Amino acid sequence: MIDSVLYYDSLPTTKLRIGELLIERNLDIEKGREFVFKAMPNLTVPLHLCKSHLILAKTDMQLGKYASAELNLKKAIAIDSTRSDALYEYNNFLIMREAPQQAMIMQDKINQLNEKAKDRFINNAGINPNVNKYVSDIPLYDMDSNLVTLHNLKGKIVVINRFNFWCKLCVYEFPALQKLKREFPSVEFVFINSGPGEDPAELREKYFPKKEFSFLKNETVLFVTKNYFDKIYGSSIPHTLIVDKKGNVRLDYVGYRKELEDILRDKLIDLLNE
């Protein structure tokens, strides 16, 4: 299968992705590392280089190669010191290696980065193309493949989280969303799977038993239709919206950072007090 893919697409980014999948799914860590090493000399985009070093660092730790892990983490940060995932990984490494003073310094850098990210988001939120857009009429599929909309939630504040089961960053933000749901019992939370054409029954059987997705058994889980992106701008995940009682988007957040929880909490409080 891998040979067939590389026959038609031998780009370094393809090799990187193959290596990442082999490692993430515990199929063959050593083979995965080989693909990452083969890809790296030809990677030119900082994001890809940073990701490569993070992948190698994580596998280094699995293999007990702690000096190599630290070196790869430092290289990832040197490539892009604004990526919070690299800083978080290094901070966790320092805590694991019992280096509390270095970990405190790294945590300070993470906090500063989060504050800057929060300020940028607040400053740009007003010009987002999705803000103030009416979305209650967007067609979606439910778990039984029936066509539905969000009309029945009008009159309630709704948090919409679009995710995919293979998305690691989506999994990272699930605990924050679950926490907010407990804090705001009157707010509805809807989780929308981003893979059009995927069979809901198969996904439910495959993923719901897994620990990180088990909470979805008790949530409203819907699936995008081909018309979803005609209404909502942006295909990246994770993607979180807050919709007011009239069905209009009031907050739009793409990606995952630690400050997401605070940003959502502040906006929910504002909307509940309107």
C-alpha atoms as a PDB file:
ATOM      1  CA  MET A   1       0.000   0.000   0.000  1.00  0.00           C
ATOM      2  CA  ILE A   2       2.765   2.454   0.970  1.00  0.00           C
ATOM      3  CA  ASP A   3       4.775   1.592  -2.148  1.00  0.00           C
ATOM      4  CA  SER A   4       1.715   2.258  -4.301  1.00  0.00           C
ATOM      5  CA  VAL A   5       1.218   5.678  -2.719  1.00  0.00           C
ATOM      6  CA  LEU A   6       4.868   6.636  -3.172  1.00  0.00           C
ATOM      7  CA  TYR A   7       4.819   5.445  -6.786  1.00  0.00           C
ATOM      8  CA  TYR A   8       2.313   8.173  -7.607  1.00  0.00           C
ATOM      9  CA  ASP A   9       3.349  10.714  -4.977  1.00  0.00           C
ATOM     10  CA  SER A  10       6.920  10.723  -3.707  1.00  0.00           C
ATOM     11  CA  LEU A  11       6.868  14.248  -2.294  1.00  0.00           C
ATOM     12  CA  PRO A  12       8.726  14.716   1.009  1.00  0.00           C
ATOM     13  CA  THR A  13       5.498  15.827   2.686  1.00  0.00           C
ATOM     14  CA  THR A  14       3.899  12.512   1.669  1.00  0.00           C
ATOM     15  CA  LYS A  15       6.802  10.607   3.226  1.00  0.00           C
ATOM     16  CA  LEU A  16       6.437  12.712   6.361  1.00  0.00           C
ATOM     17  CA  ARG A  17       2.715  11.951   6.571  1.00  0.00           C
ATOM     18  CA  ILE A  18       3.295   8.225   6.051  1.00  0.00           C
ATOM     19  CA  GLY A  19       5.904   8.222   8.813  1.00  0.00           C
ATOM     20  CA  GLU A  20       3.570  10.143  11.106  1.00  0.00           C
ATOM     21  CA  LEU A  21       0.724   7.665  10.531  1.00  0.00           C
ATOM     22  CA  LEU A  22       2.945   4.633  11.122  1.00  0.00           C
ATOM     23  CA  ILE A  23       4.031   6.145  14.436  1.00  0.00           C
ATOM     24  CA  GLU A  24       0.687   7.569  15.599  1.00  0.00           C
ATOM     25  CA  ARG A  25      -1.137   4.299  14.996  1.00  0.00           C
ATOM     26  CA  ASN A  26       1.644   2.207  16.528  1.00  0.00           C
ATOM     27  CA  LEU A  27       2.033   0.251  13.306  1.00  0.00           C
ATOM     28  CA  ASP A  28       5.828   0.456  13.019  1.00  0.00           C
ATOM     29  CA  ILE A  29       7.711   3.133  14.966  1.00  0.00           C
ATOM     30  CA  GLU A  30      11.125   2.393  13.456  1.00  0.00           C
ATOM     31  CA  LYS A  31       9.755   2.351   9.909  1.00  0.00           C
ATOM     32  CA  GLY A  32       7.894   5.570  10.638  1.00  0.00           C
ATOM     33  CA  ARG A  33      11.103   7.225  11.821  1.00  0.00           C
ATOM     34  CA  GLU A  34      12.826   6.104   8.622  1.00  0.00           C
ATOM     35  CA  PHE A  35      10.205   7.883   6.525  1.00  0.00           C
ATOM     36  CA  VAL A  36      10.553  11.062   8.606  1.00  0.00           C
ATOM     37  CA  PHE A  37      14.351  11.011   8.254  1.00  0.00           C
ATOM     38  CA  LYS A  38      14.044  10.487   4.475  1.00  0.00           C
ATOM     39  CA  ALA A  39      11.628  13.409   4.174  1.00  0.00           C
ATOM     40  CA  MET A  40      13.519  15.964   6.254  1.00  0.00           C
ATOM     41  CA  PRO A  41      16.395  16.900   3.869  1.00  0.00           C
ATOM     42  CA  ASN A  42      13.861  17.971   1.227  1.00  0.00           C
ATOM     43  CA  LEU A  43      11.363  19.772   3.458  1.00  0.00           C
ATOM     44  CA  THR A  44      11.387  23.556   3.029  1.00  0.00           C
ATOM     45  CA  VAL A  45       8.323  24.765   4.944  1.00  0.00           C
ATOM     46  CA  PRO A  46       9.107  25.590   8.611  1.00  0.00           C
ATOM     47  CA  LEU A  47       5.845  23.982   9.759  1.00  0.00           C
ATOM     48  CA  HIS A  48       6.853  20.642   8.234  1.00  0.00           C
ATOM     49  CA  LEU A  49      10.383  20.810   9.632  1.00  0.00           C
ATOM     50  CA  CYS A  50       9.067  21.676  13.077  1.00  0.00           C
ATOM     51  CA  LYS A  51       6.586  18.797  12.923  1.00  0.00           C
ATOM     52  CA  SER A  52       9.364  16.400  11.867  1.00  0.00           C
ATOM     53  CA  HIS A  53      11.484  17.225  14.901  1.00  0.00           C
ATOM     54  CA  LEU A  54       8.464  16.903  17.203  1.00  0.00           C
ATOM     55  CA  ILE A  55       7.641  13.472  15.787  1.00  0.00           C
ATOM     56  CA  LEU A  56      11.240  12.338  16.265  1.00  0.00           C
ATOM     57  CA  ALA A  57      11.331  13.777  19.793  1.00  0.00           C
ATOM     58  CA  LYS A  58       8.223  11.857  20.831  1.00  0.00           C
ATOM     59  CA  THR A  59       9.557   8.602  19.447  1.00  0.00           C
ATOM     60  CA  ASP A  60      12.953   9.292  21.031  1.00  0.00           C
ATOM     61  CA  MET A  61      11.191   9.418  24.392  1.00  0.00           C
ATOM     62  CA  GLN A  62       9.376   6.174  23.645  1.00  0.00           C
ATOM     63  CA  LEU A  63      12.714   4.557  22.853  1.00  0.00           C
ATOM     64  CA  GLY A  64      14.455   6.023  25.917  1.00  0.00           C
ATOM     65  CA  LYS A  65      16.700   8.318  23.847  1.00  0.00           C
ATOM     66  CA  TYR A  66      16.257  11.350  26.076  1.00  0.00           C
ATOM     67  CA  ALA A  67      19.297  13.336  24.906  1.00  0.00           C
ATOM     68  CA  SER A  68      18.137  12.997  21.301  1.00  0.00           C
ATOM     69  CA  ALA A  69      14.575  13.892  22.329  1.00  0.00           C
ATOM     70  CA  GLU A  70      15.730  17.119  23.971  1.00  0.00           C
ATOM     71  CA  LEU A  71      17.838  18.006  20.939  1.00  0.00           C
ATOM     72  CA  ASN A  72      14.890  17.527  18.595  1.00  0.00           C
ATOM     73  CA  LEU A  73      12.596  19.563  20.841  1.00  0.00           C
ATOM     74  CA  LYS A  74      15.112  22.426  20.898  1.00  0.00           C
ATOM     75  CA  LYS A  75      15.431  22.268  17.113  1.00  0.00           C
ATOM     76  CA  ALA A  76      11.638  22.420  16.729  1.00  0.00           C
ATOM     77  CA  ILE A  77      11.472  25.515  18.942  1.00  0.00           C
ATOM     78  CA  ALA A  78      14.409  27.108  17.112  1.00  0.00           C
ATOM     79  CA  ILE A  79      12.581  26.689  13.793  1.00  0.00           C
ATOM     80  CA  ASP A  80       9.427  28.384  15.115  1.00  0.00           C
ATOM     81  CA  SER A  81       9.347  29.682  18.672  1.00  0.00           C
ATOM     82  CA  THR A  82       5.723  30.828  18.247  1.00  0.00           C
ATOM     83  CA  ARG A  83       4.317  27.291  18.004  1.00  0.00           C
ATOM     84  CA  SER A  84       2.762  26.461  21.349  1.00  0.00           C
ATOM     85  CA  ASP A  85       2.712  22.701  20.671  1.00  0.00           C
ATOM     86  CA  ALA A  86       6.538  22.619  20.565  1.00  0.00           C
ATOM     87  CA  LEU A  87       6.753  24.589  23.813  1.00  0.00           C
ATOM     88  CA  TYR A  88       4.194  22.348  25.518  1.00  0.00           C
ATOM     89  CA  GLU A  89       6.062  19.209  24.458  1.00  0.00           C
ATOM     90  CA  TYR A  90       9.350  20.580  25.762  1.00  0.00           C
ATOM     91  CA  ASN A  91       7.727  21.704  28.997  1.00  0.00           C
ATOM     92  CA  ASN A  92       6.288  18.226  29.552  1.00  0.00           C
ATOM     93  CA  PHE A  93       9.701  16.741  28.773  1.00  0.00           C
ATOM     94  CA  LEU A  94      11.363  18.969  31.383  1.00  0.00           C
ATOM     95  CA  ILE A  95       8.778  18.010  33.997  1.00  0.00           C
ATOM     96  CA  MET A  96       9.281  14.327  33.188  1.00  0.00           C
ATOM     97  CA  ARG A  97      13.053  14.739  33.480  1.00  0.00           C
ATOM     98  CA  GLU A  98      12.609  16.518  36.827  1.00  0.00           C
ATOM     99  CA  ALA A  99      13.985  19.894  35.783  1.00  0.00           C
ATOM    100  CA  PRO A 100      11.510  22.172  37.591  1.00  0.00           C
ATOM    101  CA  GLN A 101      13.380  25.457  37.153  1.00  0.00           C
ATOM    102  CA  GLN A 102      13.706  25.012  33.396  1.00  0.00           C
ATOM    103  CA  ALA A 103      10.070  23.914  33.245  1.00  0.00           C
ATOM    104  CA  MET A 104       8.981  27.114  35.025  1.00  0.00           C
ATOM    105  CA  ILE A 105      10.883  29.221  32.489  1.00  0.00           C
ATOM    106  CA  MET A 106       9.241  27.320  29.648  1.00  0.00           C
ATOM    107  CA  GLN A 107       5.797  27.697  31.253  1.00  0.00           C
ATOM    108  CA  ASP A 108       6.327  31.479  31.427  1.00  0.00           C
ATOM    109  CA  LYS A 109       7.057  31.504  27.691  1.00  0.00           C
ATOM    110  CA  ILE A 110       3.911  29.481  27.047  1.00  0.00           C
ATOM    111  CA  ASN A 111       1.814  31.899  29.119  1.00  0.00           C
ATOM    112  CA  GLN A 112       3.207  34.892  27.218  1.00  0.00           C
ATOM    113  CA  LEU A 113       2.493  33.194  23.897  1.00  0.00           C
ATOM    114  CA  ASN A 114      -1.074  32.402  24.953  1.00  0.00           C
ATOM    115  CA  GLU A 115      -1.711  36.003  25.996  1.00  0.00           C
ATOM    116  CA  LYS A 116      -0.472  37.293  22.633  1.00  0.00           C
ATOM    117  CA  ALA A 117      -2.614  34.745  20.801  1.00  0.00           C
ATOM    118  CA  LYS A 118      -5.661  35.741  22.831  1.00  0.00           C
ATOM    119  CA  ASP A 119      -5.098  39.436  22.036  1.00  0.00           C
ATOM    120  CA  ARG A 120      -4.725  38.678  18.325  1.00  0.00           C
ATOM    121  CA  PHE A 121      -7.936  36.672  18.347  1.00  0.00           C
ATOM    122  CA  ILE A 122      -9.902  39.395  20.136  1.00  0.00           C
ATOM    123  CA  ASN A 123      -8.580  42.052  17.734  1.00  0.00           C
ATOM    124  CA  ASN A 124      -9.474  40.008  14.645  1.00  0.00           C
ATOM    125  CA  ALA A 125     -12.780  38.511  15.801  1.00  0.00           C
ATOM    126  CA  GLY A 126     -14.854  41.398  14.489  1.00  0.00           C
ATOM    127  CA  ILE A 127     -13.702  40.941  10.869  1.00  0.00           C
ATOM    128  CA  ASN A 128     -14.213  37.180  10.672  1.00  0.00           C
ATOM    129  CA  PRO A 129     -16.472  36.300   7.700  1.00  0.00           C
ATOM    130  CA  ASN A 130     -18.562  33.894   9.800  1.00  0.00           C
ATOM    131  CA  VAL A 131     -19.414  36.321  12.616  1.00  0.00           C
ATOM    132  CA  ASN A 132     -23.073  37.493  12.540  1.00  0.00           C
ATOM    133  CA  LYS A 133     -23.931  34.867   9.919  1.00  0.00           C
ATOM    134  CA  TYR A 134     -27.222  32.964  10.387  1.00  0.00           C
ATOM    135  CA  VAL A 135     -26.449  29.237  10.588  1.00  0.00           C
ATOM    136  CA  SER A 136     -29.506  27.508  12.080  1.00  0.00           C
ATOM    137  CA  ASP A 137     -30.656  26.434   8.611  1.00  0.00           C
ATOM    138  CA  ILE A 138     -27.430  24.601   7.647  1.00  0.00           C
ATOM    139  CA  PRO A 139     -28.229  21.037   6.518  1.00  0.00           C
ATOM    140  CA  LEU A 140     -26.469  18.285   8.489  1.00  0.00           C
ATOM    141  CA  TYR A 141     -26.725  14.529   8.928  1.00  0.00           C
ATOM    142  CA  ASP A 142     -27.501  12.897  12.253  1.00  0.00           C
ATOM    143  CA  MET A 143     -26.106   9.574  13.492  1.00  0.00           C
ATOM    144  CA  ASP A 144     -28.778   7.723  11.517  1.00  0.00           C
ATOM    145  CA  SER A 145     -27.949   9.587   8.279  1.00  0.00           C
ATOM    146  CA  ASN A 146     -31.149  11.649   8.470  1.00  0.00           C
ATOM    147  CA  LEU A 147     -31.006  15.206   7.140  1.00  0.00           C
ATOM    148  CA  VAL A 148     -31.429  17.735  10.000  1.00  0.00           C
ATOM    149  CA  THR A 149     -30.809  21.403  10.838  1.00  0.00           C
ATOM    150  CA  LEU A 150     -30.192  23.349  14.037  1.00  0.00           C
ATOM    151  CA  HIS A 151     -33.628  25.026  13.937  1.00  0.00           C
ATOM    152  CA  ASN A 152     -34.757  23.134  17.035  1.00  0.00           C
ATOM    153  CA  LEU A 153     -31.991  24.856  19.037  1.00  0.00           C
ATOM    154  CA  LYS A 154     -33.174  28.408  18.278  1.00  0.00           C
ATOM    155  CA  GLY A 155     -33.721  30.231  21.534  1.00  0.00           C
ATOM    156  CA  LYS A 156     -30.624  28.599  23.034  1.00  0.00           C
ATOM    157  CA  ILE A 157     -26.966  29.500  22.980  1.00  0.00           C
ATOM    158  CA  VAL A 158     -25.073  26.802  21.078  1.00  0.00           C
ATOM    159  CA  VAL A 159     -21.407  25.842  20.959  1.00  0.00           C
ATOM    160  CA  ILE A 160     -20.594  24.060  17.692  1.00  0.00           C
ATOM    161  CA  ASN A 161     -17.353  22.105  17.520  1.00  0.00           C
ATOM    162  CA  ARG A 162     -16.325  20.690  14.141  1.00  0.00           C
ATOM    163  CA  PHE A 163     -13.767  17.906  14.457  1.00  0.00           C
ATOM    164  CA  ASN A 164     -12.521  14.719  12.890  1.00  0.00           C
ATOM    165  CA  PHE A 165     -11.682  11.446  14.579  1.00  0.00           C
ATOM    166  CA  TRP A 166      -8.109  11.428  13.247  1.00  0.00           C
ATOM    167  CA  CYS A 167      -7.414  15.012  14.378  1.00  0.00           C
ATOM    168  CA  LYS A 168      -5.084  15.069  17.389  1.00  0.00           C
ATOM    169  CA  LEU A 169      -5.663  18.780  18.136  1.00  0.00           C
ATOM    170  CA  CYS A 170      -9.408  18.120  18.182  1.00  0.00           C
ATOM    171  CA  VAL A 171      -8.872  15.530  20.906  1.00  0.00           C
ATOM    172  CA  TYR A 172      -6.740  18.002  22.887  1.00  0.00           C
ATOM    173  CA  GLU A 173      -9.618  20.470  23.187  1.00  0.00           C
ATOM    174  CA  PHE A 174     -12.351  17.964  24.113  1.00  0.00           C
ATOM    175  CA  PRO A 175     -11.654  18.179  27.897  1.00  0.00           C
ATOM    176  CA  ALA A 176     -12.070  21.969  27.845  1.00  0.00           C
ATOM    177  CA  LEU A 177     -15.376  21.665  25.997  1.00  0.00           C
ATOM    178  CA  GLN A 178     -16.626  19.038  28.436  1.00  0.00           C
ATOM    179  CA  LYS A 179     -15.644  21.281  31.344  1.00  0.00           C
ATOM    180  CA  LEU A 180     -17.514  24.231  29.836  1.00  0.00           C
ATOM    181  CA  LYS A 181     -20.582  22.081  29.286  1.00  0.00           C
ATOM    182  CA  ARG A 182     -20.649  21.284  33.007  1.00  0.00           C
ATOM    183  CA  GLU A 183     -20.212  24.985  33.858  1.00  0.00           C
ATOM    184  CA  PHE A 184     -22.998  26.142  31.514  1.00  0.00           C
ATOM    185  CA  PRO A 185     -25.842  23.583  31.676  1.00  0.00           C
ATOM    186  CA  SER A 186     -28.221  25.845  29.730  1.00  0.00           C
ATOM    187  CA  VAL A 187     -25.855  25.983  26.733  1.00  0.00           C
ATOM    188  CA  GLU A 188     -26.193  23.340  24.020  1.00  0.00           C
ATOM    189  CA  PHE A 189     -23.024  21.675  22.687  1.00  0.00           C
ATOM    190  CA  VAL A 190     -23.060  20.149  19.203  1.00  0.00           C
ATOM    191  CA  PHE A 191     -20.161  18.152  17.753  1.00  0.00           C
ATOM    192  CA  ILE A 192     -19.950  17.970  13.961  1.00  0.00           C
ATOM    193  CA  ASN A 193     -17.738  15.430  12.258  1.00  0.00           C
ATOM    194  CA  SER A 194     -15.904  16.990   9.335  1.00  0.00           C
ATOM    195  CA  GLY A 195     -15.621  14.000   7.006  1.00  0.00           C
ATOM    196  CA  PRO A 196     -18.310  14.203   4.293  1.00  0.00           C
ATOM    197  CA  GLY A 197     -19.367  10.817   2.939  1.00  0.00           C
ATOM    198  CA  GLU A 198     -18.203   8.843   5.984  1.00  0.00           C
ATOM    199  CA  ASP A 199     -20.659   6.287   7.323  1.00  0.00           C
ATOM    200  CA  PRO A 200     -21.948   7.374  10.768  1.00  0.00           C
ATOM    201  CA  ALA A 201     -22.654   3.822  11.919  1.00  0.00           C
ATOM    202  CA  GLU A 202     -19.147   2.655  11.039  1.00  0.00           C
ATOM    203  CA  LEU A 203     -17.544   5.639  12.759  1.00  0.00           C
ATOM    204  CA  ARG A 204     -19.648   5.129  15.868  1.00  0.00           C
ATOM    205  CA  GLU A 205     -18.692   1.467  16.060  1.00  0.00           C
ATOM    206  CA  LYS A 206     -15.010   2.173  15.425  1.00  0.00           C
ATOM    207  CA  TYR A 207     -14.358   5.264  17.567  1.00  0.00           C
ATOM    208  CA  PHE A 208     -16.964   5.618  20.329  1.00  0.00           C
ATOM    209  CA  PRO A 209     -15.488   2.741  22.396  1.00  0.00           C
ATOM    210  CA  LYS A 210     -12.156   4.605  22.533  1.00  0.00           C
ATOM    211  CA  LYS A 211     -11.511   6.531  25.737  1.00  0.00           C
ATOM    212  CA  GLU A 212     -10.959   9.922  24.102  1.00  0.00           C
ATOM    213  CA  PHE A 213     -14.256   9.711  22.196  1.00  0.00           C
ATOM    214  CA  SER A 214     -16.448   7.814  24.658  1.00  0.00           C
ATOM    215  CA  PHE A 215     -18.066  11.037  25.957  1.00  0.00           C
ATOM    216  CA  LEU A 216     -19.620  11.535  22.502  1.00  0.00           C
ATOM    217  CA  LYS A 217     -22.055   8.697  23.234  1.00  0.00           C
ATOM    218  CA  ASN A 218     -24.025  11.202  25.338  1.00  0.00           C
ATOM    219  CA  GLU A 219     -23.600  14.212  23.045  1.00  0.00           C
ATOM    220  CA  THR A 220     -25.299  15.557  19.941  1.00  0.00           C
ATOM    221  CA  VAL A 221     -23.052  14.341  17.120  1.00  0.00           C
ATOM    222  CA  LEU A 222     -23.816  15.417  13.552  1.00  0.00           C
ATOM    223  CA  PHE A 223     -22.038  15.169  10.206  1.00  0.00           C
ATOM    224  CA  VAL A 224     -21.315  17.778   7.541  1.00  0.00           C
ATOM    225  CA  THR A 225     -23.112  17.703   4.198  1.00  0.00           C
ATOM    226  CA  LYS A 226     -21.710  18.902   0.884  1.00  0.00           C
ATOM    227  CA  ASN A 227     -23.610  22.180   1.450  1.00  0.00           C
ATOM    228  CA  TYR A 228     -22.078  22.884   4.856  1.00  0.00           C
ATOM    229  CA  PHE A 229     -19.092  24.796   3.494  1.00  0.00           C
ATOM    230  CA  ASP A 230     -21.291  26.890   1.231  1.00  0.00           C
ATOM    231  CA  LYS A 231     -22.471  28.548   4.414  1.00  0.00           C
ATOM    232  CA  ILE A 232     -19.525  28.317   6.811  1.00  0.00           C
ATOM    233  CA  TYR A 233     -16.182  29.704   5.705  1.00  0.00           C
ATOM    234  CA  GLY A 234     -13.072  27.671   6.542  1.00  0.00           C
ATOM    235  CA  SER A 235     -12.193  23.991   6.221  1.00  0.00           C
ATOM    236  CA  SER A 236      -9.541  23.746   8.962  1.00  0.00           C
ATOM    237  CA  ILE A 237     -10.157  21.775  12.141  1.00  0.00           C
ATOM    238  CA  PRO A 238     -10.746  21.981  14.988  1.00  0.00           C
ATOM    239  CA  HIS A 239     -13.261  24.749  14.359  1.00  0.00           C
ATOM    240  CA  THR A 240     -15.473  26.118  17.133  1.00  0.00           C
ATOM    241  CA  LEU A 241     -18.427  28.495  16.816  1.00  0.00           C
ATOM    242  CA  ILE A 242     -20.681  30.086  19.403  1.00  0.00           C
ATOM    243  CA  VAL A 243     -24.188  30.763  18.109  1.00  0.00           C
ATOM    244  CA  ASP A 244     -26.583  33.113  19.899  1.00  0.00           C
ATOM    245  CA  LYS A 245     -30.260  32.501  20.655  1.00  0.00           C
ATOM    246  CA  LYS A 246     -31.277  33.927  17.276  1.00  0.00           C
ATOM    247  CA  GLY A 247     -29.102  31.468  15.376  1.00  0.00           C
ATOM    248  CA  ASN A 248     -26.311  33.915  14.499  1.00  0.00           C
ATOM    249  CA  VAL A 249     -22.586  33.221  14.913  1.00  0.00           C
ATOM    250  CA  ARG A 250     -21.101  35.435  17.608  1.00  0.00           C
ATOM    251  CA  LEU A 251     -17.675  33.858  17.960  1.00  0.00           C
ATOM    252  CA  ASP A 252     -15.518  31.898  15.521  1.00  0.00           C
ATOM    253  CA  TYR A 253     -12.321  30.131  16.608  1.00  0.00           C
ATOM    254  CA  VAL A 254     -10.137  27.959  14.355  1.00  0.00           C
ATOM    255  CA  GLY A 255      -7.417  25.672  15.699  1.00  0.00           C
ATOM    256  CA  TYR A 256      -6.460  24.743  19.219  1.00  0.00           C
ATOM    257  CA  ARG A 257      -4.596  26.699  21.874  1.00  0.00           C
ATOM    258  CA  LYS A 258      -4.793  26.566  25.636  1.00  0.00           C
ATOM    259  CA  GLU A 259      -6.539  29.944  25.831  1.00  0.00           C
ATOM    260  CA  LEU A 260      -9.566  28.577  23.941  1.00  0.00           C
ATOM    261  CA  GLU A 261     -11.308  27.611  27.181  1.00  0.00           C
ATOM    262  CA  ASP A 262     -11.062  31.144  28.623  1.00  0.00           C
ATOM    263  CA  ILE A 263     -12.148  32.781  25.365  1.00  0.00           C
ATOM    264  CA  LEU A 264     -15.230  30.574  25.088  1.00  0.00           C
ATOM    265  CA  ARG A 265     -16.083  31.045  28.757  1.00  0.00           C
ATOM    266  CA  ASP A 266     -15.892  34.848  28.495  1.00  0.00           C
ATOM    267  CA  LYS A 267     -18.120  34.906  25.412  1.00  0.00           C
ATOM    268  CA  LEU A 268     -20.689  32.546  26.919  1.00  0.00           C
ATOM    269  CA  ILE A 269     -20.942  34.738  30.023  1.00  0.00           C
ATOM    270  CA  ASP A 270     -21.442  37.822  27.817  1.00  0.00           C
ATOM    271  CA  LEU A 271     -24.206  36.141  25.791  1.00  0.00           C
ATOM    272  CA  LEU A 272     -25.989  34.789  28.858  1.00  0.00           C
ATOM    273  CA  ASN A 273     -26.019  38.297  30.345  1.00  0.00           C
ATOM    274  CA  GLU A 274     -27.502  39.920  27.218  1.00  0.00           C
END
